[in-house]
């Protein structure tokens, strides 16, 4: 029989510090919680805790091995978890983040071994709760849409609670209206960005920013 959890509910607009503290505790205890992001609500957990990742996979009822997005605090944090990347890419990421743009990069060897993948998608979210939480935790946080496999993602806290009550450790929620559009995902494992998934930020904007950064870099190194 499946173990029932006592799901805590915290309004992040009214009790931000309580929400961050509780999310921090759940994270390091290997639990799973749901919270709003700069795109849609997401399941969250410690990506380096295999039991926590397995729990999310079971909740979503999806195939094992599917990749997660990792939310991070800064580009400096990113560089700890990926293989060395070109200076142009660093400049580009600093130009477009924070934003609902998730970027696939080659994982550092030690991270690749733990997460059992050679490539990982990262994002610095443009969201106050996420940023406060990431600043407190100081390590990446898993993020993946709140839904059962094959079902639409849930972005209303009442609907989320109805579906996942007693299956998660906490639901951190807001009553503010959100734009329920997923992040744009690009692959940056080679020099030029490649679109993986359309999302909230138009790929045309992303490429314009990349071209601008590329030109500035070329001008800088040619002096």
N, C-alpha and C. Protein backbone atom coordinates (compact mmCIF):
# COMPACT_ATOMS: atom_id res chain seq x y z
N UNK A 1 0.85 -1.20 0.00
CA UNK A 1 0.00 0.00 0.00
C UNK A 1 0.89 1.24 0.00
N UNK A 2 0.49 2.24 -0.83
CA UNK A 2 1.29 3.44 -0.95
C UNK A 2 1.22 4.28 0.32
N UNK A 3 2.39 4.75 0.77
CA UNK A 3 2.45 5.56 1.98
C UNK A 3 1.85 6.93 1.72
N UNK A 4 0.98 7.39 2.61
CA UNK A 4 0.35 8.69 2.47
C UNK A 4 1.17 9.74 3.21
N UNK A 5 1.38 10.89 2.57
CA UNK A 5 2.13 11.97 3.18
C UNK A 5 1.18 13.07 3.65
N UNK A 6 1.61 13.82 4.62
CA UNK A 6 0.88 15.00 5.07
C UNK A 6 1.41 16.18 4.28
N UNK A 7 0.67 16.62 3.28
CA UNK A 7 1.13 17.69 2.39
C UNK A 7 0.96 19.05 3.04
N UNK A 8 2.07 19.77 3.21
CA UNK A 8 2.03 21.13 3.75
C UNK A 8 1.67 22.11 2.64
N UNK A 9 0.88 23.12 2.98
CA UNK A 9 0.47 24.16 2.03
C UNK A 9 0.98 25.51 2.52
N UNK A 10 1.72 26.21 1.65
CA UNK A 10 2.25 27.51 2.04
C UNK A 10 2.08 28.49 0.89
N UNK A 11 1.46 29.63 1.17
CA UNK A 11 1.31 30.70 0.19
C UNK A 11 2.61 31.50 0.16
N UNK A 12 3.31 31.48 -0.96
CA UNK A 12 4.63 32.13 -1.04
C UNK A 12 4.52 33.65 -1.00
N UNK A 13 3.36 34.19 -1.33
CA UNK A 13 3.18 35.64 -1.31
C UNK A 13 2.99 36.15 0.11
N UNK A 14 2.47 35.31 0.97
CA UNK A 14 2.20 35.71 2.36
C UNK A 14 3.26 35.23 3.34
N UNK A 15 3.90 34.09 3.02
CA UNK A 15 4.87 33.50 3.96
C UNK A 15 6.10 33.02 3.19
N UNK A 16 6.80 33.94 2.58
CA UNK A 16 7.95 33.59 1.74
C UNK A 16 9.05 32.90 2.53
N UNK A 17 9.41 33.44 3.67
CA UNK A 17 10.50 32.86 4.45
C UNK A 17 10.14 31.46 4.94
N UNK A 18 8.91 31.28 5.39
CA UNK A 18 8.46 29.96 5.82
C UNK A 18 8.54 28.97 4.66
N UNK A 19 8.11 29.42 3.47
CA UNK A 19 8.14 28.55 2.30
C UNK A 19 9.56 28.15 1.93
N UNK A 20 10.47 29.11 1.92
CA UNK A 20 11.86 28.83 1.56
C UNK A 20 12.50 27.88 2.58
N UNK A 21 12.26 28.13 3.85
CA UNK A 21 12.84 27.29 4.91
C UNK A 21 12.33 25.86 4.82
N UNK A 22 11.03 25.70 4.60
CA UNK A 22 10.46 24.37 4.51
C UNK A 22 10.94 23.65 3.24
N UNK A 23 10.99 24.36 2.12
CA UNK A 23 11.47 23.76 0.88
C UNK A 23 12.93 23.32 1.03
N UNK A 24 13.73 24.12 1.71
CA UNK A 24 15.13 23.78 1.96
C UNK A 24 15.22 22.48 2.78
N UNK A 25 14.39 22.37 3.80
CA UNK A 25 14.39 21.17 4.65
C UNK A 25 13.97 19.93 3.85
N UNK A 26 12.91 20.06 3.06
CA UNK A 26 12.43 18.94 2.26
C UNK A 26 13.49 18.51 1.26
N UNK A 27 14.12 19.49 0.64
CA UNK A 27 15.16 19.22 -0.36
C UNK A 27 16.27 18.34 0.23
N UNK A 28 16.79 18.73 1.37
CA UNK A 28 17.92 18.00 1.94
C UNK A 28 17.50 16.73 2.66
N UNK A 29 16.20 16.56 2.91
CA UNK A 29 15.70 15.31 3.47
C UNK A 29 15.28 14.32 2.40
N UNK A 30 15.47 14.70 1.14
CA UNK A 30 15.15 13.78 0.05
C UNK A 30 13.69 13.72 -0.33
N UNK A 31 12.94 14.77 0.02
CA UNK A 31 11.52 14.80 -0.30
C UNK A 31 11.24 15.45 -1.64
N UNK A 32 9.95 15.58 -1.94
CA UNK A 32 9.48 16.17 -3.20
C UNK A 32 8.44 17.23 -2.88
N UNK A 33 8.55 18.38 -3.53
CA UNK A 33 7.55 19.44 -3.36
C UNK A 33 7.21 20.04 -4.72
N UNK A 34 6.15 20.82 -4.75
CA UNK A 34 5.68 21.48 -5.97
C UNK A 34 5.67 22.98 -5.72
N UNK A 35 6.09 23.75 -6.71
CA UNK A 35 6.12 25.20 -6.55
C UNK A 35 5.99 25.89 -7.91
N UNK A 36 5.58 27.17 -7.92
CA UNK A 36 5.51 27.92 -9.17
C UNK A 36 6.91 28.33 -9.62
N UNK A 37 7.07 28.52 -10.91
CA UNK A 37 8.34 28.99 -11.47
C UNK A 37 8.02 30.16 -12.40
N UNK A 38 9.00 30.54 -13.20
CA UNK A 38 8.77 31.61 -14.18
C UNK A 38 8.02 31.10 -15.40
N UNK A 39 7.70 29.81 -15.42
CA UNK A 39 6.91 29.24 -16.51
C UNK A 39 5.66 28.59 -15.92
N UNK A 40 5.73 27.31 -15.60
CA UNK A 40 4.61 26.57 -15.04
C UNK A 40 5.02 25.99 -13.68
N UNK A 41 4.05 25.50 -12.94
CA UNK A 41 4.37 24.82 -11.68
C UNK A 41 5.24 23.60 -11.98
N UNK A 42 6.11 23.29 -11.03
CA UNK A 42 7.00 22.16 -11.24
C UNK A 42 7.19 21.31 -10.01
N UNK A 43 7.38 20.01 -10.23
CA UNK A 43 7.90 19.14 -9.17
C UNK A 43 9.34 19.55 -8.91
N UNK A 44 9.75 19.49 -7.66
CA UNK A 44 11.12 19.86 -7.32
C UNK A 44 11.70 18.89 -6.30
N UNK A 45 13.03 18.70 -6.41
CA UNK A 45 13.73 17.81 -5.48
C UNK A 45 15.22 17.98 -5.69
N UNK A 46 15.98 17.24 -4.89
CA UNK A 46 17.44 17.23 -4.98
C UNK A 46 17.85 16.32 -6.13
N UNK A 47 18.49 16.85 -7.18
CA UNK A 47 18.86 16.01 -8.33
C UNK A 47 19.92 14.97 -8.02
N UNK A 48 20.59 15.12 -6.88
CA UNK A 48 21.64 14.19 -6.52
C UNK A 48 21.16 13.15 -5.51
N UNK A 49 19.87 13.11 -5.30
CA UNK A 49 19.25 12.11 -4.43
C UNK A 49 18.44 11.17 -5.31
N UNK A 50 18.94 9.97 -5.52
CA UNK A 50 18.30 9.03 -6.45
C UNK A 50 16.88 8.67 -6.00
N UNK A 51 16.66 8.53 -4.69
CA UNK A 51 15.32 8.21 -4.21
C UNK A 51 14.34 9.33 -4.55
N UNK A 52 14.77 10.57 -4.43
CA UNK A 52 13.90 11.71 -4.74
C UNK A 52 13.55 11.73 -6.22
N UNK A 53 14.53 11.47 -7.08
CA UNK A 53 14.27 11.43 -8.52
C UNK A 53 13.32 10.29 -8.88
N UNK A 54 13.52 9.15 -8.26
CA UNK A 54 12.63 8.01 -8.50
C UNK A 54 11.21 8.33 -8.06
N UNK A 55 11.07 9.08 -6.98
CA UNK A 55 9.75 9.45 -6.47
C UNK A 55 9.02 10.34 -7.49
N UNK A 56 9.73 11.29 -8.08
CA UNK A 56 9.11 12.14 -9.09
C UNK A 56 8.69 11.31 -10.30
N UNK A 57 9.55 10.39 -10.71
CA UNK A 57 9.22 9.52 -11.84
C UNK A 57 7.95 8.72 -11.57
N UNK A 58 7.81 8.23 -10.34
CA UNK A 58 6.61 7.48 -9.97
C UNK A 58 5.37 8.38 -9.94
N UNK A 59 5.53 9.59 -9.41
CA UNK A 59 4.41 10.52 -9.35
C UNK A 59 3.91 10.88 -10.74
N UNK A 60 4.85 11.08 -11.65
CA UNK A 60 4.47 11.44 -13.01
C UNK A 60 4.07 10.22 -13.84
N UNK A 61 4.38 9.04 -13.31
CA UNK A 61 4.06 7.79 -14.01
C UNK A 61 4.67 7.78 -15.42
N UNK A 62 5.91 8.21 -15.48
CA UNK A 62 6.58 8.28 -16.77
C UNK A 62 7.74 7.30 -16.82
N UNK A 63 8.25 7.09 -18.02
CA UNK A 63 9.36 6.16 -18.20
C UNK A 63 10.60 6.66 -17.48
N UNK A 64 11.34 5.76 -16.90
CA UNK A 64 12.61 6.12 -16.28
C UNK A 64 13.59 6.52 -17.38
N UNK A 65 14.49 7.40 -17.02
CA UNK A 65 15.51 7.81 -17.99
C UNK A 65 15.20 9.11 -18.70
N UNK A 66 13.94 9.60 -18.59
CA UNK A 66 13.62 10.89 -19.19
C UNK A 66 14.33 11.99 -18.41
N UNK A 67 14.78 13.01 -19.13
CA UNK A 67 15.62 14.04 -18.53
C UNK A 67 14.80 15.10 -17.79
N UNK A 68 15.46 15.71 -16.78
CA UNK A 68 14.88 16.81 -16.03
C UNK A 68 15.62 18.10 -16.37
N UNK A 69 14.99 19.23 -16.09
CA UNK A 69 15.66 20.52 -16.14
C UNK A 69 16.15 20.83 -14.72
N UNK A 70 17.33 21.41 -14.62
CA UNK A 70 17.86 21.82 -13.33
C UNK A 70 17.84 23.33 -13.22
N UNK A 71 17.20 23.84 -12.18
CA UNK A 71 17.21 25.27 -11.91
C UNK A 71 18.47 25.60 -11.11
N UNK A 72 19.12 26.69 -11.49
CA UNK A 72 20.37 27.07 -10.84
C UNK A 72 20.34 28.55 -10.48
N UNK A 73 21.29 28.93 -9.62
CA UNK A 73 21.31 30.29 -9.09
C UNK A 73 22.05 31.26 -10.00
N UNK A 74 23.11 30.80 -10.67
CA UNK A 74 23.97 31.71 -11.42
C UNK A 74 24.77 30.95 -12.46
N UNK A 75 25.40 31.70 -13.36
CA UNK A 75 26.30 31.09 -14.33
C UNK A 75 27.49 30.46 -13.62
N UNK A 76 27.93 31.09 -12.54
CA UNK A 76 29.04 30.52 -11.76
C UNK A 76 28.67 29.14 -11.22
N UNK A 77 27.44 28.99 -10.77
CA UNK A 77 26.97 27.68 -10.33
C UNK A 77 26.96 26.69 -11.49
N UNK A 78 26.47 27.13 -12.63
CA UNK A 78 26.42 26.28 -13.82
C UNK A 78 27.78 25.67 -14.13
N UNK A 79 28.82 26.49 -14.07
CA UNK A 79 30.16 26.04 -14.47
C UNK A 79 30.70 24.92 -13.59
N UNK A 80 30.11 24.71 -12.42
CA UNK A 80 30.53 23.62 -11.54
C UNK A 80 30.01 22.26 -12.02
N UNK A 81 28.99 22.29 -12.87
CA UNK A 81 28.29 21.06 -13.22
C UNK A 81 28.38 20.68 -14.69
N UNK A 82 29.07 21.49 -15.49
CA UNK A 82 29.19 21.20 -16.92
C UNK A 82 30.66 21.14 -17.32
N UNK A 83 30.90 20.53 -18.47
CA UNK A 83 32.25 20.55 -19.01
C UNK A 83 32.59 21.97 -19.45
N UNK A 84 33.90 22.29 -19.58
CA UNK A 84 34.28 23.66 -19.98
C UNK A 84 33.55 24.09 -21.25
N UNK A 85 33.00 25.30 -21.21
CA UNK A 85 32.27 25.81 -22.36
C UNK A 85 32.95 27.07 -22.89
N UNK A 86 32.67 27.41 -24.13
CA UNK A 86 33.31 28.53 -24.80
C UNK A 86 32.92 29.86 -24.14
N UNK A 87 33.84 30.81 -24.15
CA UNK A 87 33.57 32.13 -23.57
C UNK A 87 32.35 32.79 -24.22
N UNK A 88 32.15 32.54 -25.51
CA UNK A 88 30.97 33.10 -26.18
C UNK A 88 29.69 32.59 -25.53
N UNK A 89 29.67 31.32 -25.18
CA UNK A 89 28.49 30.75 -24.55
C UNK A 89 28.26 31.34 -23.16
N UNK A 90 29.34 31.57 -22.43
CA UNK A 90 29.21 32.19 -21.11
C UNK A 90 28.63 33.59 -21.25
N UNK A 91 29.17 34.37 -22.19
CA UNK A 91 28.64 35.72 -22.42
C UNK A 91 27.18 35.68 -22.83
N UNK A 92 26.84 34.72 -23.68
CA UNK A 92 25.48 34.58 -24.16
C UNK A 92 24.51 34.25 -23.03
N UNK A 93 24.89 33.31 -22.18
CA UNK A 93 24.02 32.91 -21.07
C UNK A 93 23.85 34.05 -20.08
N UNK A 94 24.89 34.80 -19.85
CA UNK A 94 24.79 35.95 -18.94
C UNK A 94 23.88 37.03 -19.53
N UNK A 95 23.78 37.05 -20.86
CA UNK A 95 22.93 38.04 -21.53
C UNK A 95 21.45 37.64 -21.50
N UNK A 96 21.16 36.34 -21.61
CA UNK A 96 19.75 35.92 -21.73
C UNK A 96 19.13 35.45 -20.42
N UNK A 97 19.92 35.12 -19.42
CA UNK A 97 19.39 34.69 -18.13
C UNK A 97 19.38 35.84 -17.14
N UNK A 98 18.48 35.88 -16.14
CA UNK A 98 17.38 34.92 -15.91
C UNK A 98 16.24 35.13 -16.90
N UNK A 99 15.67 34.01 -17.32
CA UNK A 99 14.63 34.00 -18.33
C UNK A 99 14.10 32.58 -18.47
N UNK A 100 12.89 32.41 -18.99
CA UNK A 100 12.39 31.05 -19.25
C UNK A 100 13.02 30.42 -20.48
N UNK A 101 14.35 30.30 -20.43
CA UNK A 101 15.14 29.67 -21.49
C UNK A 101 15.98 28.58 -20.84
N UNK A 102 15.72 27.33 -21.20
CA UNK A 102 16.48 26.20 -20.67
C UNK A 102 17.51 25.77 -21.70
N UNK A 103 18.74 25.54 -21.23
CA UNK A 103 19.86 25.33 -22.12
C UNK A 103 20.51 23.98 -21.85
N UNK A 104 20.60 23.15 -22.88
CA UNK A 104 21.22 21.83 -22.77
C UNK A 104 22.72 21.97 -22.99
N UNK A 105 23.50 21.45 -22.04
CA UNK A 105 24.96 21.51 -22.10
C UNK A 105 25.55 20.17 -21.71
N UNK A 106 26.82 19.91 -22.09
CA UNK A 106 27.47 18.66 -21.71
C UNK A 106 27.74 18.63 -20.21
N UNK A 107 27.35 17.56 -19.55
CA UNK A 107 27.54 17.44 -18.10
C UNK A 107 29.00 17.12 -17.78
N UNK A 108 29.47 17.68 -16.68
CA UNK A 108 30.80 17.31 -16.18
C UNK A 108 30.80 15.81 -15.86
N UNK A 109 31.97 15.19 -15.96
CA UNK A 109 32.05 13.73 -15.81
C UNK A 109 31.46 13.23 -14.50
N UNK A 110 31.80 13.91 -13.39
CA UNK A 110 31.32 13.44 -12.09
C UNK A 110 29.80 13.59 -11.97
N UNK A 111 29.26 14.64 -12.57
CA UNK A 111 27.81 14.86 -12.56
C UNK A 111 27.13 13.86 -13.49
N UNK A 112 27.75 13.62 -14.63
CA UNK A 112 27.22 12.66 -15.59
C UNK A 112 27.07 11.28 -14.98
N UNK A 113 28.03 10.89 -14.17
CA UNK A 113 27.99 9.58 -13.51
C UNK A 113 26.83 9.50 -12.51
N UNK A 114 26.61 10.59 -11.77
CA UNK A 114 25.57 10.60 -10.75
C UNK A 114 24.18 10.61 -11.39
N UNK A 115 24.01 11.48 -12.39
CA UNK A 115 22.69 11.66 -13.00
C UNK A 115 22.46 10.73 -14.19
N UNK A 116 23.48 9.96 -14.54
CA UNK A 116 23.37 8.96 -15.61
C UNK A 116 22.94 9.59 -16.93
N UNK A 117 23.55 10.72 -17.28
CA UNK A 117 23.28 11.38 -18.54
C UNK A 117 24.50 12.21 -18.95
N UNK A 118 24.72 12.34 -20.25
CA UNK A 118 25.86 13.12 -20.73
C UNK A 118 25.51 14.58 -20.97
N UNK A 119 24.22 14.87 -21.04
CA UNK A 119 23.78 16.24 -21.28
C UNK A 119 22.67 16.60 -20.30
N UNK A 120 22.69 17.85 -19.84
CA UNK A 120 21.70 18.32 -18.86
C UNK A 120 21.19 19.69 -19.28
N UNK A 121 19.90 19.92 -19.08
CA UNK A 121 19.31 21.24 -19.32
C UNK A 121 19.31 22.05 -18.03
N UNK A 122 19.74 23.30 -18.14
CA UNK A 122 19.80 24.20 -16.98
C UNK A 122 19.00 25.47 -17.27
N UNK A 123 18.55 26.13 -16.21
CA UNK A 123 17.89 27.42 -16.36
C UNK A 123 18.07 28.25 -15.09
N UNK A 124 18.32 29.54 -15.27
CA UNK A 124 18.23 30.49 -14.17
C UNK A 124 16.85 31.13 -14.29
N UNK A 125 15.94 30.83 -13.36
CA UNK A 125 14.56 31.30 -13.50
C UNK A 125 14.40 32.76 -13.11
N UNK A 126 13.49 33.43 -13.79
CA UNK A 126 13.13 34.81 -13.45
C UNK A 126 11.92 34.77 -12.53
N UNK A 127 12.15 34.31 -11.29
CA UNK A 127 11.04 34.12 -10.35
C UNK A 127 11.56 34.30 -8.93
N UNK A 128 10.89 35.13 -8.16
CA UNK A 128 11.38 35.50 -6.83
C UNK A 128 11.52 34.30 -5.89
N UNK A 129 10.48 33.47 -5.79
CA UNK A 129 10.55 32.32 -4.88
C UNK A 129 11.69 31.39 -5.29
N UNK A 130 11.78 31.09 -6.58
CA UNK A 130 12.86 30.22 -7.06
C UNK A 130 14.23 30.78 -6.70
N UNK A 131 14.39 32.08 -6.92
CA UNK A 131 15.69 32.70 -6.65
C UNK A 131 16.04 32.68 -5.17
N UNK A 132 15.05 32.95 -4.32
CA UNK A 132 15.30 32.87 -2.88
C UNK A 132 15.67 31.45 -2.46
N UNK A 133 14.97 30.48 -3.02
CA UNK A 133 15.24 29.08 -2.67
C UNK A 133 16.62 28.65 -3.14
N UNK A 134 16.97 28.99 -4.38
CA UNK A 134 18.27 28.61 -4.93
C UNK A 134 19.41 29.28 -4.17
N UNK A 135 19.17 30.51 -3.74
CA UNK A 135 20.19 31.19 -2.94
C UNK A 135 20.39 30.49 -1.60
N UNK A 136 19.31 29.97 -1.02
CA UNK A 136 19.40 29.27 0.26
C UNK A 136 20.08 27.90 0.08
N UNK A 137 19.69 27.16 -0.94
CA UNK A 137 20.18 25.80 -1.12
C UNK A 137 21.60 25.77 -1.68
N UNK A 138 21.90 26.69 -2.61
CA UNK A 138 23.22 26.83 -3.22
C UNK A 138 23.62 25.66 -4.11
N UNK A 139 22.66 24.83 -4.51
CA UNK A 139 22.91 23.75 -5.46
C UNK A 139 21.70 23.66 -6.40
N UNK A 140 21.81 22.94 -7.52
CA UNK A 140 20.69 22.86 -8.46
C UNK A 140 19.45 22.20 -7.86
N UNK A 141 18.31 22.55 -8.42
CA UNK A 141 17.02 21.96 -8.03
C UNK A 141 16.36 21.39 -9.28
N UNK A 142 15.89 20.15 -9.18
CA UNK A 142 15.16 19.53 -10.29
C UNK A 142 13.87 20.30 -10.55
N UNK A 143 13.51 20.44 -11.83
CA UNK A 143 12.24 21.03 -12.19
C UNK A 143 11.64 20.26 -13.35
N UNK A 144 10.39 19.83 -13.18
CA UNK A 144 9.67 19.14 -14.25
C UNK A 144 8.18 19.38 -14.07
N UNK A 145 7.45 19.40 -15.16
CA UNK A 145 6.04 19.79 -15.13
C UNK A 145 5.20 18.91 -14.20
N UNK A 146 4.16 19.50 -13.65
CA UNK A 146 3.27 18.80 -12.71
C UNK A 146 2.14 18.15 -13.49
N UNK A 147 2.26 16.86 -13.73
CA UNK A 147 1.23 16.10 -14.44
C UNK A 147 1.56 14.62 -14.39
N UNK A 148 0.56 13.80 -14.64
CA UNK A 148 0.79 12.39 -14.88
C UNK A 148 1.19 12.24 -16.34
N UNK A 149 1.92 11.20 -16.65
CA UNK A 149 2.37 10.99 -18.02
C UNK A 149 1.19 10.96 -18.99
N UNK A 150 1.29 11.74 -20.07
CA UNK A 150 0.24 11.77 -21.08
C UNK A 150 -0.88 12.73 -20.79
N UNK A 151 -0.87 13.36 -19.60
CA UNK A 151 -1.90 14.31 -19.22
C UNK A 151 -1.37 15.73 -19.34
N UNK A 152 -2.26 16.73 -19.53
CA UNK A 152 -1.81 18.13 -19.57
C UNK A 152 -1.19 18.54 -18.24
N UNK A 153 -0.24 19.48 -18.30
CA UNK A 153 0.36 19.93 -17.05
C UNK A 153 -0.65 20.75 -16.26
N UNK A 154 -0.56 20.67 -14.94
CA UNK A 154 -1.46 21.38 -14.05
C UNK A 154 -0.79 22.67 -13.58
N UNK A 155 -1.53 23.77 -13.66
CA UNK A 155 -0.96 25.05 -13.27
C UNK A 155 -1.86 25.83 -12.32
N UNK A 156 -2.89 25.16 -11.83
CA UNK A 156 -3.78 25.76 -10.84
C UNK A 156 -3.56 25.05 -9.51
N UNK A 157 -3.25 25.80 -8.45
CA UNK A 157 -2.92 25.14 -7.18
C UNK A 157 -4.02 24.25 -6.64
N UNK A 158 -5.27 24.63 -6.86
CA UNK A 158 -6.38 23.80 -6.37
C UNK A 158 -6.43 22.47 -7.12
N UNK A 159 -6.23 22.52 -8.43
CA UNK A 159 -6.22 21.29 -9.23
C UNK A 159 -5.02 20.42 -8.87
N UNK A 160 -3.88 21.06 -8.62
CA UNK A 160 -2.68 20.33 -8.22
C UNK A 160 -2.91 19.61 -6.90
N UNK A 161 -3.50 20.32 -5.96
CA UNK A 161 -3.75 19.73 -4.64
C UNK A 161 -4.73 18.56 -4.75
N UNK A 162 -5.73 18.71 -5.56
CA UNK A 162 -6.70 17.64 -5.73
C UNK A 162 -6.05 16.38 -6.30
N UNK A 163 -5.09 16.57 -7.21
CA UNK A 163 -4.45 15.43 -7.87
C UNK A 163 -3.35 14.81 -7.02
N UNK A 164 -2.59 15.63 -6.31
CA UNK A 164 -1.38 15.13 -5.65
C UNK A 164 -1.36 15.26 -4.13
N UNK A 165 -2.47 15.63 -3.53
CA UNK A 165 -2.51 15.72 -2.06
C UNK A 165 -2.11 14.37 -1.45
N UNK A 166 -1.31 14.44 -0.42
CA UNK A 166 -0.82 13.27 0.31
C UNK A 166 0.17 12.41 -0.48
N UNK A 167 0.62 12.92 -1.64
CA UNK A 167 1.67 12.24 -2.40
C UNK A 167 2.95 13.06 -2.44
N UNK A 168 2.87 14.32 -2.06
CA UNK A 168 4.04 15.20 -2.03
C UNK A 168 4.20 15.76 -0.62
N UNK A 169 5.39 16.28 -0.34
CA UNK A 169 5.65 16.81 1.00
C UNK A 169 5.08 18.21 1.20
N UNK A 170 5.04 19.00 0.12
CA UNK A 170 4.52 20.36 0.25
C UNK A 170 4.10 20.91 -1.11
N UNK A 171 3.13 21.81 -1.06
CA UNK A 171 2.74 22.60 -2.22
C UNK A 171 2.93 24.07 -1.85
N UNK A 172 3.84 24.72 -2.53
CA UNK A 172 4.04 26.16 -2.36
C UNK A 172 3.30 26.83 -3.51
N UNK A 173 2.43 27.77 -3.19
CA UNK A 173 1.55 28.28 -4.23
C UNK A 173 1.41 29.79 -4.18
N UNK A 174 0.88 30.34 -5.25
CA UNK A 174 0.56 31.76 -5.36
C UNK A 174 -0.83 31.89 -5.94
N UNK A 175 -1.51 32.95 -5.59
CA UNK A 175 -2.81 33.24 -6.19
C UNK A 175 -2.67 34.26 -7.32
N UNK A 176 -1.43 34.68 -7.59
CA UNK A 176 -1.20 35.60 -8.69
C UNK A 176 -1.34 34.85 -10.02
N UNK A 177 -1.88 35.54 -11.00
CA UNK A 177 -2.08 34.93 -12.32
C UNK A 177 -0.73 34.68 -12.97
N UNK A 178 -0.55 33.49 -13.56
CA UNK A 178 0.68 33.13 -14.23
C UNK A 178 0.43 32.86 -15.71
N UNK A 179 1.49 32.95 -16.49
CA UNK A 179 1.42 32.62 -17.90
C UNK A 179 1.86 31.17 -18.06
N UNK A 180 0.92 30.23 -18.27
CA UNK A 180 1.25 28.79 -18.26
C UNK A 180 1.89 28.31 -19.55
N UNK A 181 3.08 28.83 -19.83
CA UNK A 181 3.80 28.43 -21.04
C UNK A 181 5.18 27.91 -20.62
N UNK A 182 5.57 26.76 -21.11
CA UNK A 182 6.84 26.14 -20.74
C UNK A 182 8.02 26.96 -21.26
N UNK A 183 9.19 26.67 -20.74
CA UNK A 183 10.39 27.36 -21.18
C UNK A 183 10.78 26.93 -22.59
N UNK A 184 11.42 27.83 -23.29
CA UNK A 184 12.05 27.49 -24.56
C UNK A 184 13.31 26.69 -24.25
N UNK A 185 13.51 25.58 -24.93
CA UNK A 185 14.69 24.74 -24.70
C UNK A 185 15.59 24.80 -25.92
N UNK A 186 16.86 25.11 -25.69
CA UNK A 186 17.84 25.12 -26.77
C UNK A 186 19.00 24.21 -26.41
N UNK A 187 19.64 23.68 -27.44
CA UNK A 187 20.83 22.84 -27.26
C UNK A 187 22.05 23.69 -27.57
N UNK A 188 22.98 23.75 -26.62
CA UNK A 188 24.19 24.55 -26.78
C UNK A 188 25.43 23.67 -26.64
N UNK A 189 25.32 22.42 -27.08
CA UNK A 189 26.47 21.51 -27.01
C UNK A 189 27.44 21.78 -28.16
N UNK A 190 26.99 22.55 -29.16
CA UNK A 190 27.87 23.01 -30.23
C UNK A 190 27.87 24.52 -30.25
N UNK A 191 28.58 25.13 -31.17
CA UNK A 191 28.74 26.58 -31.14
C UNK A 191 27.42 27.32 -31.32
N UNK A 192 26.61 26.93 -32.30
CA UNK A 192 25.38 27.65 -32.61
C UNK A 192 24.20 27.02 -31.88
N UNK A 193 23.36 27.83 -31.23
CA UNK A 193 22.18 27.28 -30.54
C UNK A 193 21.24 26.57 -31.51
N UNK A 194 20.68 25.45 -31.05
CA UNK A 194 19.71 24.69 -31.83
C UNK A 194 18.42 24.61 -31.01
N UNK A 195 17.29 24.90 -31.64
CA UNK A 195 16.01 24.85 -30.95
C UNK A 195 15.60 23.40 -30.69
N UNK A 196 15.29 23.11 -29.44
CA UNK A 196 14.81 21.78 -29.04
C UNK A 196 13.29 21.81 -28.84
N UNK A 197 12.80 22.86 -28.20
CA UNK A 197 11.38 22.98 -27.91
C UNK A 197 10.96 24.44 -27.91
N UNK A 198 9.92 24.76 -28.65
CA UNK A 198 9.38 26.11 -28.60
C UNK A 198 8.78 26.38 -27.23
N UNK A 199 8.90 27.62 -26.79
CA UNK A 199 8.36 27.97 -25.48
C UNK A 199 8.06 29.45 -25.40
N UNK A 200 8.12 29.96 -24.19
CA UNK A 200 7.69 31.33 -23.92
C UNK A 200 8.53 32.37 -24.63
N UNK A 201 9.84 32.14 -24.75
CA UNK A 201 10.74 33.10 -25.39
C UNK A 201 10.95 32.70 -26.84
N UNK A 202 10.65 33.58 -27.80
CA UNK A 202 10.82 33.23 -29.22
C UNK A 202 12.27 32.89 -29.55
N UNK A 203 12.45 31.86 -30.36
CA UNK A 203 13.80 31.45 -30.74
C UNK A 203 14.49 32.55 -31.53
N UNK A 204 13.71 33.36 -32.26
CA UNK A 204 14.28 34.47 -33.02
C UNK A 204 15.00 35.46 -32.10
N UNK A 205 14.41 35.73 -30.94
CA UNK A 205 15.05 36.61 -29.97
C UNK A 205 16.34 36.00 -29.46
N UNK A 206 16.31 34.70 -29.18
CA UNK A 206 17.49 34.01 -28.68
C UNK A 206 18.63 34.11 -29.68
N UNK A 207 18.33 33.88 -30.96
CA UNK A 207 19.36 33.94 -31.99
C UNK A 207 19.88 35.36 -32.19
N UNK A 208 19.02 36.35 -32.05
CA UNK A 208 19.47 37.74 -32.15
C UNK A 208 20.47 38.06 -31.04
N UNK A 209 20.15 37.59 -29.83
CA UNK A 209 21.07 37.81 -28.72
C UNK A 209 22.38 37.08 -28.92
N UNK A 210 22.30 35.86 -29.46
CA UNK A 210 23.53 35.11 -29.71
C UNK A 210 24.39 35.82 -30.74
N UNK A 211 23.77 36.28 -31.81
CA UNK A 211 24.52 36.99 -32.85
C UNK A 211 25.15 38.26 -32.30
N UNK A 212 24.42 38.99 -31.46
CA UNK A 212 24.96 40.21 -30.86
C UNK A 212 26.17 39.90 -29.99
N UNK A 213 26.05 38.86 -29.16
CA UNK A 213 27.17 38.47 -28.29
C UNK A 213 28.35 37.99 -29.12
N UNK A 214 28.06 37.23 -30.18
CA UNK A 214 29.12 36.70 -31.04
C UNK A 214 29.91 37.83 -31.68
N UNK A 215 29.22 38.84 -32.19
CA UNK A 215 29.90 39.99 -32.82
C UNK A 215 30.74 40.73 -31.80
N UNK A 216 30.20 40.96 -30.61
CA UNK A 216 30.94 41.66 -29.57
C UNK A 216 32.20 40.89 -29.17
N UNK A 217 32.06 39.57 -29.09
CA UNK A 217 33.22 38.74 -28.74
C UNK A 217 34.29 38.82 -29.82
N UNK A 218 33.90 38.71 -31.07
CA UNK A 218 34.86 38.79 -32.19
C UNK A 218 35.56 40.13 -32.20
N UNK A 219 34.85 41.19 -31.95
CA UNK A 219 35.46 42.52 -31.91
C UNK A 219 36.45 42.64 -30.76
N UNK A 220 36.10 42.03 -29.64
CA UNK A 220 36.96 42.11 -28.45
C UNK A 220 38.27 41.36 -28.66
N UNK A 221 38.21 40.15 -29.21
CA UNK A 221 39.41 39.34 -29.35
C UNK A 221 40.29 39.79 -30.52
N UNK A 222 39.70 40.56 -31.44
CA UNK A 222 40.48 41.01 -32.60
C UNK A 222 41.24 42.29 -32.35
N UNK A 223 41.03 42.90 -31.21
CA UNK A 223 41.73 44.15 -30.90
C UNK A 223 43.19 43.90 -30.57
